[in-house]
Amino acid sequence: MLKPLRNDVIKKGETYYEFVIGIAKRARQIAEYADNERLNSHADELSILTQRASEEKTVSIALEEYKHGEFSIRA
């Protein structure tokens, strides 16, 4: 289970609840995208995101994206 330090990850003005819900939503988006792409593509044409989703947990990917500012959480 991932246990990032709250102060290291949560941005100012966000609650822990908003953070958890936002990460979970993004993880579901990643999983859904990867599933759809696997159904509609050949194995050698999968995106990097889909390849990562098959190797790592989608929550880990979402957390990394959030840390690097690739998406933000809206209240």
N, C-alpha and C. Protein backbone atom coordinates (compact mmCIF):
# COMPACT_ATOMS: atom_id res chain seq x y z
N MET A 1 0.84 -1.17 0.00
CA MET A 1 0.00 0.00 0.00
C MET A 1 0.89 1.24 0.00
N LEU A 2 0.51 2.24 -0.77
CA LEU A 2 1.26 3.49 -0.82
C LEU A 2 0.91 4.36 0.37
N LYS A 3 1.93 4.89 1.02
CA LYS A 3 1.69 5.78 2.14
C LYS A 3 2.57 7.02 1.99
N PRO A 4 2.24 7.88 1.06
CA PRO A 4 3.05 9.10 0.92
C PRO A 4 2.81 10.02 2.11
N LEU A 5 3.80 10.79 2.45
CA LEU A 5 3.66 11.75 3.53
C LEU A 5 2.70 12.84 3.10
N ARG A 6 1.76 13.14 3.94
CA ARG A 6 0.73 14.12 3.58
C ARG A 6 1.33 15.47 3.18
N ASN A 7 2.26 15.96 3.94
CA ASN A 7 2.81 17.28 3.67
C ASN A 7 3.67 17.32 2.42
N ASP A 8 4.19 16.18 2.00
CA ASP A 8 5.03 16.12 0.81
C ASP A 8 4.22 16.10 -0.47
N VAL A 9 2.99 15.64 -0.40
CA VAL A 9 2.21 15.42 -1.62
C VAL A 9 1.03 16.38 -1.75
N ILE A 10 0.29 16.58 -0.70
CA ILE A 10 -0.91 17.40 -0.77
C ILE A 10 -0.53 18.87 -0.89
N LYS A 11 -1.12 19.52 -1.87
CA LYS A 11 -0.82 20.93 -2.12
C LYS A 11 -1.64 21.82 -1.20
N LYS A 12 -1.14 23.01 -0.99
CA LYS A 12 -1.78 23.96 -0.10
C LYS A 12 -3.21 24.24 -0.56
N GLY A 13 -4.13 24.21 0.38
CA GLY A 13 -5.53 24.49 0.08
C GLY A 13 -6.35 23.25 -0.21
N GLU A 14 -5.71 22.08 -0.33
CA GLU A 14 -6.43 20.84 -0.59
C GLU A 14 -6.61 20.07 0.72
N THR A 15 -7.73 19.41 0.84
CA THR A 15 -7.93 18.55 1.99
C THR A 15 -7.45 17.14 1.63
N TYR A 16 -7.23 16.33 2.66
CA TYR A 16 -6.80 14.96 2.43
C TYR A 16 -7.88 14.20 1.65
N TYR A 17 -9.14 14.47 1.97
CA TYR A 17 -10.26 13.82 1.28
C TYR A 17 -10.24 14.16 -0.21
N GLU A 18 -10.07 15.43 -0.56
CA GLU A 18 -10.01 15.84 -1.97
C GLU A 18 -8.85 15.15 -2.68
N PHE A 19 -7.73 15.07 -1.99
CA PHE A 19 -6.54 14.43 -2.55
C PHE A 19 -6.81 12.95 -2.87
N VAL A 20 -7.35 12.23 -1.90
CA VAL A 20 -7.61 10.79 -2.08
C VAL A 20 -8.62 10.56 -3.20
N ILE A 21 -9.69 11.33 -3.23
CA ILE A 21 -10.72 11.18 -4.27
C ILE A 21 -10.13 11.53 -5.64
N GLY A 22 -9.34 12.59 -5.72
CA GLY A 22 -8.73 12.99 -6.98
C GLY A 22 -7.78 11.95 -7.54
N ILE A 23 -6.95 11.37 -6.67
CA ILE A 23 -6.01 10.32 -7.10
C ILE A 23 -6.79 9.09 -7.55
N ALA A 24 -7.83 8.72 -6.81
CA ALA A 24 -8.64 7.55 -7.17
C ALA A 24 -9.33 7.75 -8.52
N LYS A 25 -9.86 8.95 -8.76
CA LYS A 25 -10.51 9.23 -10.05
C LYS A 25 -9.52 9.11 -11.20
N ARG A 26 -8.33 9.68 -11.02
CA ARG A 26 -7.32 9.61 -12.08
C ARG A 26 -6.87 8.16 -12.30
N ALA A 27 -6.73 7.39 -11.24
CA ALA A 27 -6.35 5.98 -11.37
C ALA A 27 -7.41 5.21 -12.16
N ARG A 28 -8.68 5.49 -11.91
CA ARG A 28 -9.75 4.84 -12.68
C ARG A 28 -9.71 5.25 -14.13
N GLN A 29 -9.42 6.53 -14.41
CA GLN A 29 -9.30 6.99 -15.80
C GLN A 29 -8.18 6.25 -16.51
N ILE A 30 -7.05 6.10 -15.85
CA ILE A 30 -5.90 5.40 -16.44
C ILE A 30 -6.27 3.95 -16.73
N ALA A 31 -6.90 3.28 -15.77
CA ALA A 31 -7.28 1.87 -15.94
C ALA A 31 -8.28 1.72 -17.08
N GLU A 32 -9.26 2.60 -17.15
CA GLU A 32 -10.27 2.54 -18.21
C GLU A 32 -9.63 2.79 -19.58
N TYR A 33 -8.75 3.78 -19.66
CA TYR A 33 -8.06 4.07 -20.92
C TYR A 33 -7.24 2.87 -21.37
N ALA A 34 -6.50 2.28 -20.44
CA ALA A 34 -5.65 1.13 -20.77
C ALA A 34 -6.49 -0.06 -21.23
N ASP A 35 -7.60 -0.31 -20.54
CA ASP A 35 -8.48 -1.42 -20.94
C ASP A 35 -9.04 -1.21 -22.34
N ASN A 36 -9.51 0.00 -22.61
CA ASN A 36 -10.06 0.31 -23.93
C ASN A 36 -9.00 0.19 -25.01
N GLU A 37 -7.80 0.66 -24.72
CA GLU A 37 -6.73 0.59 -25.72
C GLU A 37 -6.32 -0.86 -25.99
N ARG A 38 -6.27 -1.67 -24.94
CA ARG A 38 -5.92 -3.08 -25.13
C ARG A 38 -6.95 -3.79 -26.01
N LEU A 39 -8.22 -3.43 -25.86
CA LEU A 39 -9.27 -4.05 -26.66
C LEU A 39 -9.24 -3.60 -28.12
N ASN A 40 -8.80 -2.38 -28.36
CA ASN A 40 -8.88 -1.79 -29.69
C ASN A 40 -7.55 -1.68 -30.43
N SER A 41 -6.46 -2.17 -29.87
CA SER A 41 -5.14 -2.03 -30.50
C SER A 41 -4.42 -3.37 -30.56
N HIS A 42 -3.39 -3.39 -31.37
CA HIS A 42 -2.50 -4.55 -31.40
C HIS A 42 -1.50 -4.41 -30.27
N ALA A 43 -0.97 -5.50 -29.80
CA ALA A 43 -0.07 -5.51 -28.65
C ALA A 43 1.17 -4.65 -28.87
N ASP A 44 1.65 -4.55 -30.11
CA ASP A 44 2.86 -3.77 -30.36
C ASP A 44 2.58 -2.28 -30.55
N GLU A 45 1.31 -1.87 -30.50
CA GLU A 45 0.96 -0.47 -30.72
C GLU A 45 0.41 0.21 -29.47
N LEU A 46 0.63 -0.36 -28.30
CA LEU A 46 0.08 0.20 -27.08
C LEU A 46 0.87 1.43 -26.64
N SER A 47 0.17 2.41 -26.07
CA SER A 47 0.82 3.63 -25.60
C SER A 47 1.69 3.34 -24.37
N ILE A 48 2.53 4.28 -24.06
CA ILE A 48 3.40 4.14 -22.89
C ILE A 48 2.56 4.05 -21.62
N LEU A 49 1.49 4.83 -21.55
CA LEU A 49 0.62 4.80 -20.38
C LEU A 49 0.01 3.42 -20.18
N THR A 50 -0.46 2.81 -21.26
CA THR A 50 -1.05 1.48 -21.18
C THR A 50 0.00 0.45 -20.78
N GLN A 51 1.19 0.58 -21.30
CA GLN A 51 2.27 -0.34 -20.92
C GLN A 51 2.60 -0.21 -19.44
N ARG A 52 2.66 1.03 -18.95
CA ARG A 52 2.92 1.26 -17.53
C ARG A 52 1.80 0.69 -16.67
N ALA A 53 0.54 0.84 -17.13
CA ALA A 53 -0.60 0.37 -16.36
C ALA A 53 -0.59 -1.15 -16.21
N SER A 54 0.02 -1.84 -17.16
CA SER A 54 0.09 -3.30 -17.04
C SER A 54 1.24 -3.74 -16.13
N GLU A 55 2.19 -2.83 -15.87
CA GLU A 55 3.34 -3.16 -15.03
C GLU A 55 3.22 -2.61 -13.61
N GLU A 56 2.54 -1.48 -13.46
CA GLU A 56 2.42 -0.82 -12.16
C GLU A 56 0.95 -0.67 -11.79
N LYS A 57 0.71 -0.38 -10.53
CA LYS A 57 -0.65 -0.09 -10.10
C LYS A 57 -1.03 1.30 -10.60
N THR A 58 -2.28 1.44 -11.01
CA THR A 58 -2.71 2.72 -11.56
C THR A 58 -2.69 3.83 -10.51
N VAL A 59 -2.86 3.49 -9.25
CA VAL A 59 -2.77 4.50 -8.19
C VAL A 59 -1.35 5.06 -8.12
N SER A 60 -0.36 4.21 -8.29
CA SER A 60 1.04 4.66 -8.30
C SER A 60 1.30 5.61 -9.46
N ILE A 61 0.75 5.28 -10.62
CA ILE A 61 0.92 6.13 -11.80
C ILE A 61 0.24 7.48 -11.56
N ALA A 62 -0.98 7.45 -11.02
CA ALA A 62 -1.72 8.69 -10.75
C ALA A 62 -0.97 9.56 -9.75
N LEU A 63 -0.42 8.95 -8.73
CA LEU A 63 0.34 9.69 -7.72
C LEU A 63 1.58 10.33 -8.32
N GLU A 64 2.30 9.60 -9.16
CA GLU A 64 3.48 10.16 -9.84
C GLU A 64 3.08 11.33 -10.74
N GLU A 65 1.99 11.18 -11.49
CA GLU A 65 1.52 12.26 -12.36
C GLU A 65 1.20 13.50 -11.53
N TYR A 66 0.55 13.30 -10.39
CA TYR A 66 0.18 14.42 -9.53
C TYR A 66 1.41 15.12 -8.97
N LYS A 67 2.38 14.32 -8.52
CA LYS A 67 3.62 14.89 -7.98
C LYS A 67 4.35 15.74 -9.02
N HIS A 68 4.30 15.32 -10.29
CA HIS A 68 4.99 16.03 -11.36
C HIS A 68 4.12 17.12 -12.00
N GLY A 69 2.94 17.36 -11.44
CA GLY A 69 2.08 18.44 -11.94
C GLY A 69 1.40 18.15 -13.26
N GLU A 70 1.27 16.88 -13.63
CA GLU A 70 0.65 16.52 -14.90
C GLU A 70 -0.87 16.63 -14.85
N PHE A 71 -1.44 16.67 -13.65
CA PHE A 71 -2.86 16.95 -13.49
C PHE A 71 -3.06 17.58 -12.13
N SER A 72 -4.16 18.28 -11.97
CA SER A 72 -4.45 18.92 -10.69
C SER A 72 -5.81 18.44 -10.19
N ILE A 73 -6.03 18.63 -8.92
CA ILE A 73 -7.28 18.21 -8.30
C ILE A 73 -8.11 19.45 -8.04
N ARG A 74 -9.32 19.43 -8.56
CA ARG A 74 -10.24 20.55 -8.34
C ARG A 74 -11.21 20.19 -7.24
N ALA A 75 -11.48 21.13 -6.38
CA ALA A 75 -12.42 20.90 -5.27
C ALA A 75 -13.84 20.90 -5.75
